[in-house]
């Protein structure tokens, strides 16, 4: 993980969410730097997630530097998006 200002990827997550843990493992395995924001500790982050997901508090919500987002992606979908954006380290 790195500072949000330098990250090309921001992951909105919770500590208890299995899909969040999986997404971060994929990012780590592909050596993608990201900022992890726990929405349980950050009210502004909750608002961001709600805004992106049309009122749903769905995590993980992943935001890429190009402005694109993925919500609750499968491993395959996340890996493909990382490769499309050439983010793998």
PDB file of N, CA and C in Angstrom:
ATOM      1  N   UNK A   1       0.839  -1.186   0.000  1.00  0.00           N
ATOM      2  CA  UNK A   1       0.000   0.000   0.000  1.00  0.00           C
ATOM      3  C   UNK A   1       0.878   1.242   0.000  1.00  0.00           C
ATOM      4  N   UNK A   2       0.299   2.324  -0.448  1.00  0.00           N
ATOM      5  CA  UNK A   2       1.056   3.567  -0.466  1.00  0.00           C
ATOM      6  C   UNK A   2       0.122   4.732  -0.178  1.00  0.00           C
ATOM      7  N   UNK A   3       0.682   5.918  -0.181  1.00  0.00           N
ATOM      8  CA  UNK A   3      -0.076   7.134   0.066  1.00  0.00           C
ATOM      9  C   UNK A   3      -1.126   7.320  -1.029  1.00  0.00           C
ATOM     10  N   UNK A   4      -2.332   7.717  -0.654  1.00  0.00           N
ATOM     11  CA  UNK A   4      -3.416   7.873  -1.617  1.00  0.00           C
ATOM     12  C   UNK A   4      -3.045   8.845  -2.730  1.00  0.00           C
ATOM     13  N   UNK A   5      -2.289   9.871  -2.433  1.00  0.00           N
ATOM     14  CA  UNK A   5      -1.931  10.861  -3.448  1.00  0.00           C
ATOM     15  C   UNK A   5      -1.063  10.264  -4.546  1.00  0.00           C
ATOM     16  N   UNK A   6      -0.324   9.206  -4.245  1.00  0.00           N
ATOM     17  CA  UNK A   6       0.552   8.601  -5.230  1.00  0.00           C
ATOM     18  C   UNK A   6      -0.014   7.313  -5.812  1.00  0.00           C
ATOM     19  N   UNK A   7      -1.067   6.784  -5.241  1.00  0.00           N
ATOM     20  CA  UNK A   7      -1.617   5.514  -5.681  1.00  0.00           C
ATOM     21  C   UNK A   7      -2.411   5.671  -6.956  1.00  0.00           C
ATOM     22  N   UNK A   8      -2.283   4.656  -7.811  1.00  0.00           N
ATOM     23  CA  UNK A   8      -3.109   4.608  -9.007  1.00  0.00           C
ATOM     24  C   UNK A   8      -4.402   3.843  -8.736  1.00  0.00           C
ATOM     25  N   UNK A   9      -4.475   3.215  -7.565  1.00  0.00           N
ATOM     26  CA  UNK A   9      -5.639   2.406  -7.208  1.00  0.00           C
ATOM     27  C   UNK A   9      -6.027   2.720  -5.759  1.00  0.00           C
ATOM     28  N   UNK A  10      -7.324   2.908  -5.537  1.00  0.00           N
ATOM     29  CA  UNK A  10      -7.849   3.083  -4.185  1.00  0.00           C
ATOM     30  C   UNK A  10      -8.889   1.988  -3.962  1.00  0.00           C
ATOM     31  N   UNK A  11      -8.725   1.262  -2.855  1.00  0.00           N
ATOM     32  CA  UNK A  11      -9.650   0.190  -2.506  1.00  0.00           C
ATOM     33  C   UNK A  11     -10.444   0.633  -1.282  1.00  0.00           C
ATOM     34  N   UNK A  12     -11.759   0.740  -1.443  1.00  0.00           N
ATOM     35  CA  UNK A  12     -12.647   1.011  -0.317  1.00  0.00           C
ATOM     36  C   UNK A  12     -13.091  -0.347   0.193  1.00  0.00           C
ATOM     37  N   UNK A  13     -12.832  -0.611   1.474  1.00  0.00           N
ATOM     38  CA  UNK A  13     -13.050  -1.957   2.002  1.00  0.00           C
ATOM     39  C   UNK A  13     -13.486  -1.912   3.462  1.00  0.00           C
ATOM     40  N   UNK A  14     -13.674  -3.125   4.008  1.00  0.00           N
ATOM     41  CA  UNK A  14     -13.857  -3.317   5.441  1.00  0.00           C
ATOM     42  C   UNK A  14     -12.911  -4.439   5.856  1.00  0.00           C
ATOM     43  N   UNK A  15     -12.699  -4.576   7.151  1.00  0.00           N
ATOM     44  CA  UNK A  15     -11.785  -5.616   7.628  1.00  0.00           C
ATOM     45  C   UNK A  15     -12.402  -7.001   7.556  1.00  0.00           C
ATOM     46  N   UNK A  16     -13.717  -7.109   7.617  1.00  0.00           N
ATOM     47  CA  UNK A  16     -14.402  -8.396   7.711  1.00  0.00           C
ATOM     48  C   UNK A  16     -14.868  -8.957   6.375  1.00  0.00           C
ATOM     49  N   UNK A  17     -14.727  -8.215   5.307  1.00  0.00           N
ATOM     50  CA  UNK A  17     -15.268  -8.585   3.997  1.00  0.00           C
ATOM     51  C   UNK A  17     -14.350  -9.560   3.255  1.00  0.00           C
ATOM     52  N   UNK A  18     -14.806 -10.792   2.981  1.00  0.00           N
ATOM     53  CA  UNK A  18     -13.964 -11.766   2.281  1.00  0.00           C
ATOM     54  C   UNK A  18     -13.581 -11.320   0.867  1.00  0.00           C
ATOM     55  N   UNK A  19     -14.508 -10.632   0.171  1.00  0.00           N
ATOM     56  CA  UNK A  19     -14.182 -10.156  -1.176  1.00  0.00           C
ATOM     57  C   UNK A  19     -13.114  -9.068  -1.137  1.00  0.00           C
ATOM     58  N   UNK A  20     -13.115  -8.267  -0.074  1.00  0.00           N
ATOM     59  CA  UNK A  20     -12.084  -7.233   0.085  1.00  0.00           C
ATOM     60  C   UNK A  20     -10.719  -7.882   0.292  1.00  0.00           C
ATOM     61  N   UNK A  21     -10.677  -8.888   1.128  1.00  0.00           N
ATOM     62  CA  UNK A  21      -9.423  -9.594   1.395  1.00  0.00           C
ATOM     63  C   UNK A  21      -8.902 -10.210   0.102  1.00  0.00           C
ATOM     64  N   UNK A  22      -9.793 -10.829  -0.677  1.00  0.00           N
ATOM     65  CA  UNK A  22      -9.415 -11.438  -1.952  1.00  0.00           C
ATOM     66  C   UNK A  22      -8.870 -10.390  -2.919  1.00  0.00           C
ATOM     67  N   UNK A  23      -9.556  -9.262  -3.040  1.00  0.00           N
ATOM     68  CA  UNK A  23      -9.127  -8.218  -3.975  1.00  0.00           C
ATOM     69  C   UNK A  23      -7.736  -7.692  -3.603  1.00  0.00           C
ATOM     70  N   UNK A  24      -7.500  -7.487  -2.309  1.00  0.00           N
ATOM     71  CA  UNK A  24      -6.187  -6.991  -1.885  1.00  0.00           C
ATOM     72  C   UNK A  24      -5.107  -8.047  -2.111  1.00  0.00           C
ATOM     73  N   UNK A  25      -5.449  -9.328  -1.970  1.00  0.00           N
ATOM     74  CA  UNK A  25      -4.476 -10.387  -2.270  1.00  0.00           C
ATOM     75  C   UNK A  25      -4.120 -10.388  -3.749  1.00  0.00           C
ATOM     76  N   UNK A  26      -5.103 -10.169  -4.611  1.00  0.00           N
ATOM     77  CA  UNK A  26      -4.839 -10.088  -6.056  1.00  0.00           C
ATOM     78  C   UNK A  26      -3.923  -8.907  -6.350  1.00  0.00           C
ATOM     79  N   UNK A  27      -4.252  -7.747  -5.790  1.00  0.00           N
ATOM     80  CA  UNK A  27      -3.420  -6.559  -6.009  1.00  0.00           C
ATOM     81  C   UNK A  27      -1.998  -6.793  -5.504  1.00  0.00           C
ATOM     82  N   UNK A  28      -1.877  -7.377  -4.321  1.00  0.00           N
ATOM     83  CA  UNK A  28      -0.551  -7.664  -3.762  1.00  0.00           C
ATOM     84  C   UNK A  28       0.215  -8.648  -4.648  1.00  0.00           C
ATOM     85  N   UNK A  29      -0.461  -9.702  -5.107  1.00  0.00           N
ATOM     86  CA  UNK A  29       0.223 -10.716  -5.912  1.00  0.00           C
ATOM     87  C   UNK A  29       0.681 -10.170  -7.252  1.00  0.00           C
ATOM     88  N   UNK A  30      -0.026  -9.146  -7.751  1.00  0.00           N
ATOM     89  CA  UNK A  30       0.344  -8.535  -9.033  1.00  0.00           C
ATOM     90  C   UNK A  30       1.231  -7.309  -8.829  1.00  0.00           C
ATOM     91  N   UNK A  31       1.622  -7.072  -7.568  1.00  0.00           N
ATOM     92  CA  UNK A  31       2.505  -5.967  -7.197  1.00  0.00           C
ATOM     93  C   UNK A  31       1.951  -4.593  -7.635  1.00  0.00           C
ATOM     94  N   UNK A  32       0.666  -4.420  -7.386  1.00  0.00           N
ATOM     95  CA  UNK A  32       0.003  -3.159  -7.677  1.00  0.00           C
ATOM     96  C   UNK A  32      -0.039  -2.343  -6.394  1.00  0.00           C
ATOM     97  N   UNK A  33       0.482  -1.126  -6.447  1.00  0.00           N
ATOM     98  CA  UNK A  33       0.394  -0.255  -5.277  1.00  0.00           C
ATOM     99  C   UNK A  33      -1.022   0.287  -5.170  1.00  0.00           C
ATOM    100  N   UNK A  34      -1.529   0.316  -3.951  1.00  0.00           N
ATOM    101  CA  UNK A  34      -2.887   0.802  -3.744  1.00  0.00           C
ATOM    102  C   UNK A  34      -3.011   1.409  -2.363  1.00  0.00           C
ATOM    103  N   UNK A  35      -4.045   2.201  -2.229  1.00  0.00           N
ATOM    104  CA  UNK A  35      -4.413   2.754  -0.930  1.00  0.00           C
ATOM    105  C   UNK A  35      -5.667   2.043  -0.481  1.00  0.00           C
ATOM    106  N   UNK A  36      -5.647   1.519   0.731  1.00  0.00           N
ATOM    107  CA  UNK A  36      -6.792   0.837   1.302  1.00  0.00           C
ATOM    108  C   UNK A  36      -7.486   1.788   2.260  1.00  0.00           C
ATOM    109  N   UNK A  37      -8.771   2.051   2.016  1.00  0.00           N
ATOM    110  CA  UNK A  37      -9.543   2.928   2.885  1.00  0.00           C
ATOM    111  C   UNK A  37     -10.664   2.115   3.507  1.00  0.00           C
ATOM    112  N   UNK A  38     -10.624   1.993   4.831  1.00  0.00           N
ATOM    113  CA  UNK A  38     -11.632   1.240   5.571  1.00  0.00           C
ATOM    114  C   UNK A  38     -12.845   2.138   5.773  1.00  0.00           C
ATOM    115  N   UNK A  39     -13.952   1.795   5.128  1.00  0.00           N
ATOM    116  CA  UNK A  39     -15.135   2.653   5.206  1.00  0.00           C
ATOM    117  C   UNK A  39     -15.782   2.640   6.583  1.00  0.00           C
ATOM    118  N   UNK A  40     -15.428   1.675   7.416  1.00  0.00           N
ATOM    119  CA  UNK A  40     -15.969   1.649   8.777  1.00  0.00           C
ATOM    120  C   UNK A  40     -15.357   2.746   9.645  1.00  0.00           C
ATOM    121  N   UNK A  41     -14.221   3.245   9.233  1.00  0.00           N
ATOM    122  CA  UNK A  41     -13.509   4.271  10.019  1.00  0.00           C
ATOM    123  C   UNK A  41     -13.540   5.650   9.371  1.00  0.00           C
ATOM    124  N   UNK A  42     -14.115   5.746   8.170  1.00  0.00           N
ATOM    125  CA  UNK A  42     -14.053   6.995   7.419  1.00  0.00           C
ATOM    126  C   UNK A  42     -15.431   7.328   6.835  1.00  0.00           C
ATOM    127  N   UNK A  43     -16.191   8.208   7.489  1.00  0.00           N
ATOM    128  CA  UNK A  43     -17.536   8.551   7.006  1.00  0.00           C
ATOM    129  C   UNK A  43     -17.537   9.131   5.588  1.00  0.00           C
ATOM    130  N   UNK A  44     -16.501   9.875   5.237  1.00  0.00           N
ATOM    131  CA  UNK A  44     -16.428  10.425   3.885  1.00  0.00           C
ATOM    132  C   UNK A  44     -16.279   9.311   2.852  1.00  0.00           C
ATOM    133  N   UNK A  45     -15.559   8.267   3.225  1.00  0.00           N
ATOM    134  CA  UNK A  45     -15.373   7.132   2.324  1.00  0.00           C
ATOM    135  C   UNK A  45     -16.698   6.408   2.100  1.00  0.00           C
ATOM    136  N   UNK A  46     -17.518   6.320   3.135  1.00  0.00           N
ATOM    137  CA  UNK A  46     -18.841   5.705   2.978  1.00  0.00           C
ATOM    138  C   UNK A  46     -19.631   6.471   1.931  1.00  0.00           C
ATOM    139  N   UNK A  47     -19.593   7.792   2.022  1.00  0.00           N
ATOM    140  CA  UNK A  47     -20.317   8.625   1.054  1.00  0.00           C
ATOM    141  C   UNK A  47     -19.797   8.397  -0.361  1.00  0.00           C
ATOM    142  N   UNK A  48     -18.487   8.247  -0.509  1.00  0.00           N
ATOM    143  CA  UNK A  48     -17.894   7.984  -1.822  1.00  0.00           C
ATOM    144  C   UNK A  48     -18.409   6.657  -2.381  1.00  0.00           C
ATOM    145  N   UNK A  49     -18.393   5.620  -1.546  1.00  0.00           N
ATOM    146  CA  UNK A  49     -18.869   4.295  -1.977  1.00  0.00           C
ATOM    147  C   UNK A  49     -20.350   4.355  -2.351  1.00  0.00           C
ATOM    148  N   UNK A  50     -21.156   5.008  -1.544  1.00  0.00           N
ATOM    149  CA  UNK A  50     -22.577   5.142  -1.846  1.00  0.00           C
ATOM    150  C   UNK A  50     -22.793   5.869  -3.168  1.00  0.00           C
ATOM    151  N   UNK A  51     -22.002   6.892  -3.406  1.00  0.00           N
ATOM    152  CA  UNK A  51     -22.110   7.669  -4.635  1.00  0.00           C
ATOM    153  C   UNK A  51     -21.745   6.828  -5.864  1.00  0.00           C
ATOM    154  N   UNK A  52     -20.657   6.091  -5.773  1.00  0.00           N
ATOM    155  CA  UNK A  52     -20.199   5.261  -6.896  1.00  0.00           C
ATOM    156  C   UNK A  52     -21.192   4.154  -7.203  1.00  0.00           C
ATOM    157  N   UNK A  53     -21.802   3.587  -6.157  1.00  0.00           N
ATOM    158  CA  UNK A  53     -22.649   2.399  -6.295  1.00  0.00           C
ATOM    159  C   UNK A  53     -24.142   2.683  -6.186  1.00  0.00           C
ATOM    160  N   UNK A  54     -24.546   3.879  -6.580  1.00  0.00           N
ATOM    161  CA  UNK A  54     -25.969   4.234  -6.621  1.00  0.00           C
ATOM    162  C   UNK A  54     -26.693   3.931  -5.310  1.00  0.00           C
ATOM    163  N   UNK A  55     -26.051   4.309  -4.203  1.00  0.00           N
ATOM    164  CA  UNK A  55     -26.679   4.162  -2.897  1.00  0.00           C
ATOM    165  C   UNK A  55     -26.385   2.860  -2.180  1.00  0.00           C
ATOM    166  N   UNK A  56     -25.628   1.964  -2.813  1.00  0.00           N
ATOM    167  CA  UNK A  56     -25.285   0.694  -2.168  1.00  0.00           C
ATOM    168  C   UNK A  56     -23.932   0.797  -1.486  1.00  0.00           C
ATOM    169  N   UNK A  57     -23.858   0.235  -0.302  1.00  0.00           N
ATOM    170  CA  UNK A  57     -22.610   0.241   0.476  1.00  0.00           C
ATOM    171  C   UNK A  57     -21.820  -1.035   0.152  1.00  0.00           C
ATOM    172  N   UNK A  58     -21.470  -1.196  -1.112  1.00  0.00           N
ATOM    173  CA  UNK A  58     -20.824  -2.407  -1.606  1.00  0.00           C
ATOM    174  C   UNK A  58     -19.313  -2.282  -1.571  1.00  0.00           C
ATOM    175  N   UNK A  59     -18.678  -3.290  -0.988  1.00  0.00           N
ATOM    176  CA  UNK A  59     -17.222  -3.341  -0.958  1.00  0.00           C
ATOM    177  C   UNK A  59     -16.772  -4.735  -1.371  1.00  0.00           C
ATOM    178  N   UNK A  60     -15.605  -4.842  -1.969  1.00  0.00           N
ATOM    179  CA  UNK A  60     -14.718  -3.733  -2.259  1.00  0.00           C
ATOM    180  C   UNK A  60     -15.228  -2.901  -3.433  1.00  0.00           C
ATOM    181  N   UNK A  61     -15.018  -1.618  -3.324  1.00  0.00           N
ATOM    182  CA  UNK A  61     -15.180  -0.703  -4.442  1.00  0.00           C
ATOM    183  C   UNK A  61     -13.776  -0.225  -4.767  1.00  0.00           C
ATOM    184  N   UNK A  62     -13.359  -0.458  -5.983  1.00  0.00           N
ATOM    185  CA  UNK A  62     -11.990  -0.161  -6.397  1.00  0.00           C
ATOM    186  C   UNK A  62     -12.031   0.943  -7.436  1.00  0.00           C
ATOM    187  N   UNK A  63     -11.261   2.018  -7.184  1.00  0.00           N
ATOM    188  CA  UNK A  63     -11.212   3.165  -8.076  1.00  0.00           C
ATOM    189  C   UNK A  63      -9.809   3.252  -8.674  1.00  0.00           C
ATOM    190  N   UNK A  64      -9.756   3.340  -9.987  1.00  0.00           N
ATOM    191  CA  UNK A  64      -8.484   3.427 -10.703  1.00  0.00           C
ATOM    192  C   UNK A  64      -8.197   4.869 -11.095  1.00  0.00           C
ATOM    193  N   UNK A  65      -6.946   5.170 -11.375  1.00  0.00           N
ATOM    194  CA  UNK A  65      -6.516   6.541 -11.677  1.00  0.00           C
ATOM    195  C   UNK A  65      -7.258   7.135 -12.879  1.00  0.00           C
ATOM    196  N   UNK A  66      -7.691   6.285 -13.805  1.00  0.00           N
ATOM    197  CA  UNK A  66      -8.404   6.791 -14.980  1.00  0.00           C
ATOM    198  C   UNK A  66      -9.867   7.108 -14.675  1.00  0.00           C
ATOM    199  N   UNK A  67     -10.280   6.910 -13.411  1.00  0.00           N
ATOM    200  CA  UNK A  67     -11.642   7.199 -13.009  1.00  0.00           C
ATOM    201  C   UNK A  67     -12.581   6.012 -13.100  1.00  0.00           C
ATOM    202  N   UNK A  68     -12.125   4.920 -13.689  1.00  0.00           N
ATOM    203  CA  UNK A  68     -12.970   3.734 -13.776  1.00  0.00           C
ATOM    204  C   UNK A  68     -13.055   3.061 -12.410  1.00  0.00           C
ATOM    205  N   UNK A  69     -14.106   2.280 -12.219  1.00  0.00           N
ATOM    206  CA  UNK A  69     -14.321   1.603 -10.943  1.00  0.00           C
ATOM    207  C   UNK A  69     -14.730   0.148 -11.172  1.00  0.00           C
ATOM    208  N   UNK A  70     -14.479  -0.661 -10.173  1.00  0.00           N
ATOM    209  CA  UNK A  70     -14.993  -2.023 -10.107  1.00  0.00           C
ATOM    210  C   UNK A  70     -15.588  -2.201  -8.728  1.00  0.00           C
ATOM    211  N   UNK A  71     -16.731  -2.841  -8.670  1.00  0.00           N
ATOM    212  CA  UNK A  71     -17.371  -3.132  -7.395  1.00  0.00           C
ATOM    213  C   UNK A  71     -17.565  -4.630  -7.278  1.00  0.00           C
ATOM    214  N   UNK A  72     -17.044  -5.183  -6.190  1.00  0.00           N
ATOM    215  CA  UNK A  72     -17.123  -6.616  -5.924  1.00  0.00           C
ATOM    216  C   UNK A  72     -16.693  -7.451  -7.142  1.00  0.00           C
ATOM    217  N   UNK A  73     -15.542  -7.138  -7.733  1.00  0.00           N
ATOM    218  CA  UNK A  73     -15.141  -7.891  -8.931  1.00  0.00           C
ATOM    219  C   UNK A  73     -14.673  -9.300  -8.591  1.00  0.00           C
ATOM    220  N   UNK A  74     -14.807 -10.192  -9.558  1.00  0.00           N
ATOM    221  CA  UNK A  74     -14.225 -11.530  -9.415  1.00  0.00           C
ATOM    222  C   UNK A  74     -12.713 -11.409  -9.595  1.00  0.00           C
ATOM    223  N   UNK A  75     -11.996 -12.445  -9.252  1.00  0.00           N
ATOM    224  CA  UNK A  75     -10.544 -12.460  -9.439  1.00  0.00           C
ATOM    225  C   UNK A  75     -10.204 -12.219 -10.904  1.00  0.00           C
ATOM    226  N   UNK A  76     -10.904 -12.892 -11.800  1.00  0.00           N
ATOM    227  CA  UNK A  76     -10.625 -12.777 -13.239  1.00  0.00           C
ATOM    228  C   UNK A  76     -10.860 -11.352 -13.724  1.00  0.00           C
ATOM    229  N   UNK A  77     -11.975 -10.759 -13.338  1.00  0.00           N
ATOM    230  CA  UNK A  77     -12.290  -9.394 -13.766  1.00  0.00           C
ATOM    231  C   UNK A  77     -11.243  -8.415 -13.235  1.00  0.00           C
ATOM    232  N   UNK A  78     -10.850  -8.549 -11.985  1.00  0.00           N
ATOM    233  CA  UNK A  78      -9.856  -7.652 -11.399  1.00  0.00           C
ATOM    234  C   UNK A  78      -8.507  -7.820 -12.078  1.00  0.00           C
ATOM    235  N   UNK A  79      -8.063  -9.060 -12.271  1.00  0.00           N
ATOM    236  CA  UNK A  79      -6.781  -9.304 -12.951  1.00  0.00           C
ATOM    237  C   UNK A  79      -6.790  -8.716 -14.361  1.00  0.00           C
ATOM    238  N   UNK A  80      -7.881  -8.913 -15.089  1.00  0.00           N
ATOM    239  CA  UNK A  80      -7.970  -8.381 -16.446  1.00  0.00           C
ATOM    240  C   UNK A  80      -7.888  -6.860 -16.460  1.00  0.00           C
ATOM    241  N   UNK A  81      -8.560  -6.206 -15.509  1.00  0.00           N
ATOM    242  CA  UNK A  81      -8.533  -4.731 -15.457  1.00  0.00           C
ATOM    243  C   UNK A  81      -7.127  -4.225 -15.134  1.00  0.00           C
ATOM    244  N   UNK A  82      -6.452  -4.891 -14.214  1.00  0.00           N
ATOM    245  CA  UNK A  82      -5.066  -4.523 -13.869  1.00  0.00           C
ATOM    246  C   UNK A  82      -4.172  -4.652 -15.101  1.00  0.00           C
ATOM    247  N   UNK A  83      -4.348  -5.719 -15.834  1.00  0.00           N
ATOM    248  CA  UNK A  83      -3.542  -5.927 -17.048  1.00  0.00           C
ATOM    249  C   UNK A  83      -3.888  -4.897 -18.119  1.00  0.00           C
ATOM    250  N   UNK A  84      -5.179  -4.588 -18.308  1.00  0.00           N
ATOM    251  CA  UNK A  84      -5.604  -3.571 -19.281  1.00  0.00           C
ATOM    252  C   UNK A  84      -4.950  -2.226 -18.993  1.00  0.00           C
ATOM    253  N   UNK A  85      -4.845  -1.895 -17.712  1.00  0.00           N
ATOM    254  CA  UNK A  85      -4.281  -0.594 -17.313  1.00  0.00           C
ATOM    255  C   UNK A  85      -2.765  -0.632 -17.125  1.00  0.00           C
ATOM    256  N   UNK A  86      -2.155  -1.800 -17.375  1.00  0.00           N
ATOM    257  CA  UNK A  86      -0.704  -1.968 -17.219  1.00  0.00           C
ATOM    258  C   UNK A  86      -0.225  -1.560 -15.826  1.00  0.00           C
ATOM    259  N   UNK A  87      -0.937  -2.015 -14.817  1.00  0.00           N
ATOM    260  CA  UNK A  87      -0.589  -1.640 -13.444  1.00  0.00           C
ATOM    261  C   UNK A  87       0.268  -2.682 -12.732  1.00  0.00           C
ATOM    262  N   UNK A  88       0.348  -3.883 -13.283  1.00  0.00           N
ATOM    263  CA  UNK A  88       1.107  -4.944 -12.621  1.00  0.00           C
ATOM    264  C   UNK A  88       2.569  -4.558 -12.522  1.00  0.00           C
ATOM    265  N   UNK A  89       3.154  -4.839 -11.346  1.00  0.00           N
ATOM    266  CA  UNK A  89       4.550  -4.459 -11.093  1.00  0.00           C
ATOM    267  C   UNK A  89       5.547  -5.448 -11.576  1.00  0.00           C
TER     268      UNK A  89
END
